[in-house]
Amino acid sequence: AQMAANWQQLVKSPDPLRYQTVGDERVRNEHEALDRITLPADDAFWNNHYPPNGWGCRCDVVNSLGKITNMKGKILPELPNGFAGNVGKSGKAFSDGLFPKHSLTVRKQSDAEADEWSKENKE
């Protein structure tokens, strides 16, 4: 649910989004391959590569003023079953098929709720 709320805040900014890992020795190779990819919020990349991208994923997405990543020829890693998606856009915590008998969804926050959450969780 936190990443869904994060998405709602990120897309309010005109700045592009940057995928980032924690950067330590526990980062999986698949996640490292996505590290520092910087693209506009409306790029199709974010439809399938928005964290979490696996159990225990510690990756994040932030607004960035960095240079847009040239994706031409870039090979993206295959993500674990059930994690390809964007919880902020779909409201689904997992993509279809991971838990076929259960409906795992999150409620989309209103702008006021997202703003309040941001105020409470500011570092």
N, C-alpha and C. Protein backbone atom coordinates (compact mmCIF):
# COMPACT_ATOMS: atom_id res chain seq x y z
N ALA A 1 0.83 -1.19 0.00
CA ALA A 1 0.00 0.00 0.00
C ALA A 1 0.87 1.26 0.00
N GLN A 2 2.03 1.18 0.63
CA GLN A 2 2.92 2.34 0.68
C GLN A 2 3.39 2.74 -0.72
N MET A 3 3.70 1.74 -1.56
CA MET A 3 4.16 2.05 -2.91
C MET A 3 3.02 2.60 -3.77
N ALA A 4 1.78 2.20 -3.49
CA ALA A 4 0.64 2.76 -4.21
C ALA A 4 0.50 4.24 -3.88
N ALA A 5 0.61 4.57 -2.60
CA ALA A 5 0.54 5.97 -2.18
C ALA A 5 1.71 6.76 -2.73
N ASN A 6 2.89 6.14 -2.76
CA ASN A 6 4.08 6.79 -3.29
C ASN A 6 3.86 7.17 -4.76
N TRP A 7 3.26 6.26 -5.53
CA TRP A 7 3.00 6.52 -6.95
C TRP A 7 2.13 7.77 -7.11
N GLN A 8 1.09 7.88 -6.30
CA GLN A 8 0.18 9.02 -6.40
C GLN A 8 0.92 10.34 -6.16
N GLN A 9 1.90 10.34 -5.28
CA GLN A 9 2.69 11.54 -5.03
C GLN A 9 3.69 11.80 -6.17
N LEU A 10 4.33 10.74 -6.65
CA LEU A 10 5.34 10.89 -7.70
C LEU A 10 4.78 11.52 -8.96
N VAL A 11 3.60 11.09 -9.37
CA VAL A 11 3.06 11.55 -10.65
C VAL A 11 2.53 12.98 -10.58
N LYS A 12 2.48 13.57 -9.39
CA LYS A 12 2.09 14.98 -9.27
C LYS A 12 3.20 15.91 -9.78
N SER A 13 4.41 15.41 -9.79
CA SER A 13 5.55 16.21 -10.21
C SER A 13 5.78 16.04 -11.72
N PRO A 14 6.22 17.10 -12.39
CA PRO A 14 6.55 16.96 -13.81
C PRO A 14 7.92 16.29 -14.04
N ASP A 15 8.68 16.11 -12.95
CA ASP A 15 10.01 15.53 -13.08
C ASP A 15 9.93 14.04 -13.41
N PRO A 16 10.90 13.53 -14.17
CA PRO A 16 10.92 12.09 -14.47
C PRO A 16 11.14 11.27 -13.20
N LEU A 17 10.91 9.97 -13.33
CA LEU A 17 11.06 9.05 -12.21
C LEU A 17 12.32 8.22 -12.37
N ARG A 18 12.99 7.94 -11.26
CA ARG A 18 14.21 7.12 -11.27
C ARG A 18 14.01 5.92 -10.36
N TYR A 19 14.28 4.74 -10.90
CA TYR A 19 14.25 3.50 -10.13
C TYR A 19 15.55 3.44 -9.34
N GLN A 20 15.47 3.07 -8.08
CA GLN A 20 16.70 2.95 -7.30
C GLN A 20 16.63 1.78 -6.33
N THR A 21 17.75 1.09 -6.25
CA THR A 21 17.89 0.01 -5.28
C THR A 21 18.47 0.58 -3.99
N VAL A 22 18.55 -0.25 -2.97
CA VAL A 22 19.18 0.15 -1.71
C VAL A 22 20.68 0.30 -1.92
N GLY A 23 21.24 -0.47 -2.85
CA GLY A 23 22.66 -0.34 -3.19
C GLY A 23 23.60 -1.16 -2.35
N ASP A 24 23.09 -2.15 -1.62
CA ASP A 24 23.99 -2.97 -0.81
C ASP A 24 24.20 -4.35 -1.45
N GLU A 25 24.91 -5.22 -0.74
CA GLU A 25 25.28 -6.54 -1.27
C GLU A 25 24.09 -7.48 -1.39
N ARG A 26 22.95 -7.14 -0.80
CA ARG A 26 21.77 -8.00 -0.86
C ARG A 26 20.88 -7.73 -2.07
N VAL A 27 21.19 -6.69 -2.84
CA VAL A 27 20.37 -6.35 -4.01
C VAL A 27 20.49 -7.47 -5.05
N ARG A 28 19.35 -7.95 -5.50
CA ARG A 28 19.32 -9.00 -6.52
C ARG A 28 19.76 -8.46 -7.88
N ASN A 29 20.35 -9.33 -8.69
CA ASN A 29 20.83 -8.93 -10.02
C ASN A 29 19.71 -8.33 -10.87
N GLU A 30 18.52 -8.91 -10.77
CA GLU A 30 17.39 -8.42 -11.56
C GLU A 30 17.03 -6.97 -11.19
N HIS A 31 17.19 -6.65 -9.93
CA HIS A 31 16.87 -5.30 -9.46
C HIS A 31 18.02 -4.35 -9.80
N GLU A 32 19.25 -4.83 -9.70
CA GLU A 32 20.42 -4.03 -10.05
C GLU A 32 20.35 -3.58 -11.51
N ALA A 33 19.81 -4.45 -12.37
CA ALA A 33 19.68 -4.11 -13.79
C ALA A 33 18.72 -2.94 -14.02
N LEU A 34 17.84 -2.70 -13.08
CA LEU A 34 16.87 -1.60 -13.20
C LEU A 34 17.35 -0.32 -12.51
N ASP A 35 18.38 -0.44 -11.68
CA ASP A 35 18.86 0.68 -10.88
C ASP A 35 19.23 1.88 -11.76
N ARG A 36 18.74 3.03 -11.37
CA ARG A 36 19.01 4.33 -12.00
C ARG A 36 18.33 4.54 -13.35
N ILE A 37 17.45 3.63 -13.76
CA ILE A 37 16.67 3.90 -14.97
C ILE A 37 15.79 5.10 -14.66
N THR A 38 15.88 6.11 -15.52
CA THR A 38 15.15 7.36 -15.33
C THR A 38 14.29 7.61 -16.56
N LEU A 39 12.98 7.67 -16.34
CA LEU A 39 12.02 7.82 -17.44
C LEU A 39 10.83 8.67 -16.99
N PRO A 40 10.12 9.27 -17.95
CA PRO A 40 8.91 10.01 -17.58
C PRO A 40 7.88 9.09 -16.92
N ALA A 41 7.04 9.65 -16.08
CA ALA A 41 6.03 8.86 -15.36
C ALA A 41 5.07 8.15 -16.30
N ASP A 42 4.85 8.71 -17.49
CA ASP A 42 3.90 8.09 -18.42
C ASP A 42 4.55 7.06 -19.34
N ASP A 43 5.83 6.75 -19.13
CA ASP A 43 6.50 5.73 -19.94
C ASP A 43 5.95 4.35 -19.60
N ALA A 44 5.79 3.51 -20.61
CA ALA A 44 5.25 2.16 -20.42
C ALA A 44 6.11 1.31 -19.49
N PHE A 45 7.37 1.64 -19.32
CA PHE A 45 8.26 0.91 -18.41
C PHE A 45 7.62 0.77 -17.03
N TRP A 46 7.00 1.83 -16.53
CA TRP A 46 6.45 1.84 -15.18
C TRP A 46 5.21 0.97 -15.04
N ASN A 47 4.63 0.53 -16.15
CA ASN A 47 3.47 -0.36 -16.08
C ASN A 47 3.85 -1.73 -15.51
N ASN A 48 5.11 -2.15 -15.70
CA ASN A 48 5.53 -3.49 -15.29
C ASN A 48 6.75 -3.52 -14.39
N HIS A 49 7.40 -2.40 -14.14
CA HIS A 49 8.65 -2.41 -13.38
C HIS A 49 8.63 -1.49 -12.17
N TYR A 50 7.46 -1.21 -11.66
CA TYR A 50 7.35 -0.38 -10.46
C TYR A 50 7.41 -1.29 -9.23
N PRO A 51 8.25 -0.99 -8.25
CA PRO A 51 8.38 -1.85 -7.06
C PRO A 51 7.06 -1.99 -6.30
N PRO A 52 6.91 -3.09 -5.61
CA PRO A 52 7.88 -4.16 -5.35
C PRO A 52 7.98 -5.12 -6.53
N ASN A 53 9.19 -5.58 -6.77
CA ASN A 53 9.47 -6.49 -7.87
C ASN A 53 9.96 -7.83 -7.36
N GLY A 54 9.32 -8.34 -6.35
CA GLY A 54 9.66 -9.64 -5.76
C GLY A 54 9.48 -9.57 -4.25
N TRP A 55 9.41 -10.74 -3.63
CA TRP A 55 9.28 -10.80 -2.17
C TRP A 55 10.48 -10.13 -1.52
N GLY A 56 10.23 -9.26 -0.57
CA GLY A 56 11.31 -8.58 0.15
C GLY A 56 11.99 -7.48 -0.63
N CYS A 57 11.40 -7.06 -1.73
CA CYS A 57 11.99 -5.99 -2.54
C CYS A 57 12.09 -4.71 -1.72
N ARG A 58 13.28 -4.09 -1.73
CA ARG A 58 13.51 -2.86 -0.98
C ARG A 58 13.73 -1.68 -1.92
N CYS A 59 13.46 -1.88 -3.20
CA CYS A 59 13.67 -0.82 -4.19
C CYS A 59 12.65 0.30 -4.00
N ASP A 60 12.96 1.42 -4.62
CA ASP A 60 12.11 2.60 -4.52
C ASP A 60 12.14 3.32 -5.86
N VAL A 61 11.24 4.26 -6.02
CA VAL A 61 11.21 5.15 -7.17
C VAL A 61 11.11 6.56 -6.63
N VAL A 62 11.91 7.46 -7.20
CA VAL A 62 11.91 8.85 -6.75
C VAL A 62 11.84 9.77 -7.96
N ASN A 63 11.38 11.00 -7.73
CA ASN A 63 11.47 12.00 -8.79
C ASN A 63 12.93 12.39 -8.95
N SER A 64 13.32 12.66 -10.19
CA SER A 64 14.72 12.94 -10.47
C SER A 64 14.85 14.01 -11.55
N LEU A 65 15.90 14.77 -11.44
CA LEU A 65 16.22 15.74 -12.49
C LEU A 65 17.29 15.17 -13.43
N GLY A 66 17.58 13.87 -13.26
CA GLY A 66 18.61 13.22 -14.06
C GLY A 66 18.22 13.05 -15.51
N LYS A 67 19.21 12.69 -16.30
CA LYS A 67 19.04 12.47 -17.73
C LYS A 67 18.16 11.24 -17.98
N ILE A 68 17.26 11.35 -18.94
CA ILE A 68 16.38 10.24 -19.32
C ILE A 68 17.24 9.10 -19.86
N THR A 69 16.95 7.87 -19.42
CA THR A 69 17.69 6.68 -19.84
C THR A 69 17.32 6.31 -21.27
N ASN A 70 18.32 6.05 -22.08
CA ASN A 70 18.09 5.55 -23.44
C ASN A 70 17.81 4.06 -23.34
N MET A 71 16.59 3.66 -23.61
CA MET A 71 16.17 2.27 -23.44
C MET A 71 16.38 1.44 -24.71
N LYS A 72 16.84 2.07 -25.79
CA LYS A 72 17.04 1.35 -27.04
C LYS A 72 18.07 0.24 -26.84
N GLY A 73 17.65 -1.00 -27.09
CA GLY A 73 18.53 -2.14 -26.96
C GLY A 73 18.73 -2.64 -25.54
N LYS A 74 18.14 -1.98 -24.57
CA LYS A 74 18.31 -2.39 -23.17
C LYS A 74 17.46 -3.64 -22.91
N ILE A 75 18.09 -4.66 -22.36
CA ILE A 75 17.39 -5.90 -22.03
C ILE A 75 16.97 -5.82 -20.57
N LEU A 76 15.67 -5.93 -20.34
CA LEU A 76 15.14 -5.85 -18.99
C LEU A 76 14.99 -7.24 -18.40
N PRO A 77 15.25 -7.39 -17.12
CA PRO A 77 15.15 -8.71 -16.48
C PRO A 77 13.70 -9.17 -16.38
N GLU A 78 13.53 -10.48 -16.37
CA GLU A 78 12.21 -11.05 -16.13
C GLU A 78 11.93 -10.98 -14.64
N LEU A 79 10.75 -10.52 -14.30
CA LEU A 79 10.38 -10.38 -12.89
C LEU A 79 9.64 -11.62 -12.40
N PRO A 80 9.68 -11.88 -11.10
CA PRO A 80 9.00 -13.06 -10.55
C PRO A 80 7.51 -13.05 -10.86
N ASN A 81 6.95 -14.22 -11.01
CA ASN A 81 5.52 -14.37 -11.27
C ASN A 81 4.72 -13.62 -10.21
N GLY A 82 3.77 -12.83 -10.66
CA GLY A 82 2.91 -12.11 -9.74
C GLY A 82 3.34 -10.71 -9.41
N PHE A 83 4.53 -10.29 -9.83
CA PHE A 83 5.03 -8.97 -9.46
C PHE A 83 5.13 -7.98 -10.61
N ALA A 84 4.90 -8.41 -11.84
CA ALA A 84 4.97 -7.48 -12.96
C ALA A 84 3.72 -6.61 -12.94
N GLY A 85 3.88 -5.36 -12.64
CA GLY A 85 2.74 -4.46 -12.58
C GLY A 85 3.10 -3.16 -11.90
N ASN A 86 2.09 -2.38 -11.63
CA ASN A 86 2.26 -1.11 -10.94
C ASN A 86 1.09 -0.95 -9.98
N VAL A 87 1.34 -1.21 -8.71
CA VAL A 87 0.29 -1.16 -7.70
C VAL A 87 -0.34 0.22 -7.61
N GLY A 88 0.40 1.26 -7.95
CA GLY A 88 -0.13 2.61 -7.91
C GLY A 88 -1.14 2.88 -9.01
N LYS A 89 -0.97 2.22 -10.15
CA LYS A 89 -1.91 2.39 -11.26
C LYS A 89 -3.08 1.41 -11.17
N SER A 90 -2.79 0.17 -10.83
CA SER A 90 -3.81 -0.88 -10.88
C SER A 90 -4.60 -1.04 -9.58
N GLY A 91 -3.98 -0.69 -8.46
CA GLY A 91 -4.60 -0.93 -7.17
C GLY A 91 -4.46 -2.37 -6.72
N LYS A 92 -3.76 -3.20 -7.51
CA LYS A 92 -3.58 -4.60 -7.16
C LYS A 92 -2.20 -4.80 -6.56
N ALA A 93 -2.16 -5.44 -5.40
CA ALA A 93 -0.89 -5.68 -4.73
C ALA A 93 -0.03 -6.69 -5.49
N PHE A 94 -0.67 -7.61 -6.20
CA PHE A 94 0.04 -8.62 -7.00
C PHE A 94 -0.66 -8.74 -8.34
N SER A 95 0.10 -9.08 -9.38
CA SER A 95 -0.54 -9.26 -10.67
C SER A 95 -1.35 -10.56 -10.67
N ASP A 96 -2.27 -10.65 -11.60
CA ASP A 96 -3.18 -11.80 -11.66
C ASP A 96 -2.42 -13.11 -11.74
N GLY A 97 -2.97 -14.12 -11.07
CA GLY A 97 -2.42 -15.46 -11.15
C GLY A 97 -1.59 -15.87 -9.96
N LEU A 98 -1.10 -14.95 -9.15
CA LEU A 98 -0.26 -15.32 -8.02
C LEU A 98 -1.10 -15.97 -6.92
N PHE A 99 -2.23 -15.38 -6.63
CA PHE A 99 -3.16 -15.92 -5.64
C PHE A 99 -4.54 -16.01 -6.29
N PRO A 100 -4.78 -17.02 -7.12
CA PRO A 100 -6.00 -17.06 -7.92
C PRO A 100 -7.30 -17.10 -7.10
N LYS A 101 -7.28 -17.62 -5.89
CA LYS A 101 -8.51 -17.73 -5.10
C LYS A 101 -8.74 -16.52 -4.22
N HIS A 102 -7.82 -15.59 -4.20
CA HIS A 102 -7.93 -14.43 -3.33
C HIS A 102 -7.83 -13.16 -4.14
N SER A 103 -8.52 -12.16 -3.73
CA SER A 103 -8.45 -10.86 -4.38
C SER A 103 -7.66 -9.92 -3.48
N LEU A 104 -6.44 -9.63 -3.85
CA LEU A 104 -5.59 -8.74 -3.06
C LEU A 104 -5.52 -7.39 -3.76
N THR A 105 -6.24 -6.43 -3.23
CA THR A 105 -6.23 -5.10 -3.82
C THR A 105 -6.00 -4.07 -2.74
N VAL A 106 -5.57 -2.92 -3.17
CA VAL A 106 -5.44 -1.79 -2.25
C VAL A 106 -6.35 -0.68 -2.74
N ARG A 107 -6.84 0.08 -1.81
CA ARG A 107 -7.72 1.19 -2.16
C ARG A 107 -6.86 2.37 -2.58
N LYS A 108 -7.25 3.02 -3.65
CA LYS A 108 -6.53 4.19 -4.12
C LYS A 108 -6.81 5.35 -3.16
N GLN A 109 -5.75 5.99 -2.68
CA GLN A 109 -5.90 7.11 -1.76
C GLN A 109 -6.37 8.35 -2.49
N SER A 110 -7.13 9.14 -1.77
CA SER A 110 -7.47 10.45 -2.30
C SER A 110 -6.23 11.33 -2.22
N ASP A 111 -6.22 12.42 -2.95
CA ASP A 111 -5.09 13.35 -2.88
C ASP A 111 -4.88 13.86 -1.46
N ALA A 112 -5.97 14.13 -0.75
CA ALA A 112 -5.86 14.63 0.62
C ALA A 112 -5.22 13.59 1.53
N GLU A 113 -5.61 12.31 1.38
CA GLU A 113 -5.03 11.25 2.19
C GLU A 113 -3.54 11.08 1.86
N ALA A 114 -3.20 11.14 0.59
CA ALA A 114 -1.80 10.98 0.18
C ALA A 114 -0.96 12.15 0.70
N ASP A 115 -1.49 13.35 0.65
CA ASP A 115 -0.78 14.51 1.17
C ASP A 115 -0.57 14.40 2.68
N GLU A 116 -1.59 13.95 3.38
CA GLU A 116 -1.49 13.76 4.83
C GLU A 116 -0.44 12.71 5.17
N TRP A 117 -0.45 11.59 4.43
CA TRP A 117 0.53 10.53 4.66
C TRP A 117 1.93 11.08 4.43
N SER A 118 2.12 11.87 3.38
CA SER A 118 3.44 12.44 3.08
C SER A 118 3.92 13.34 4.21
N LYS A 119 3.02 14.15 4.75
CA LYS A 119 3.38 15.05 5.85
C LYS A 119 3.81 14.25 7.09
N GLU A 120 3.07 13.18 7.38
CA GLU A 120 3.36 12.36 8.56
C GLU A 120 4.64 11.56 8.43
N ASN A 121 5.03 11.23 7.20
CA ASN A 121 6.17 10.37 6.99
C ASN A 121 7.38 11.07 6.39
N LYS A 122 7.39 12.38 6.46
CA LYS A 122 8.55 13.14 5.97
C LYS A 122 9.73 12.92 6.87
N GLU A 123 10.89 12.76 6.27
CA GLU A 123 12.11 12.55 7.06
C GLU A 123 12.60 13.85 7.62
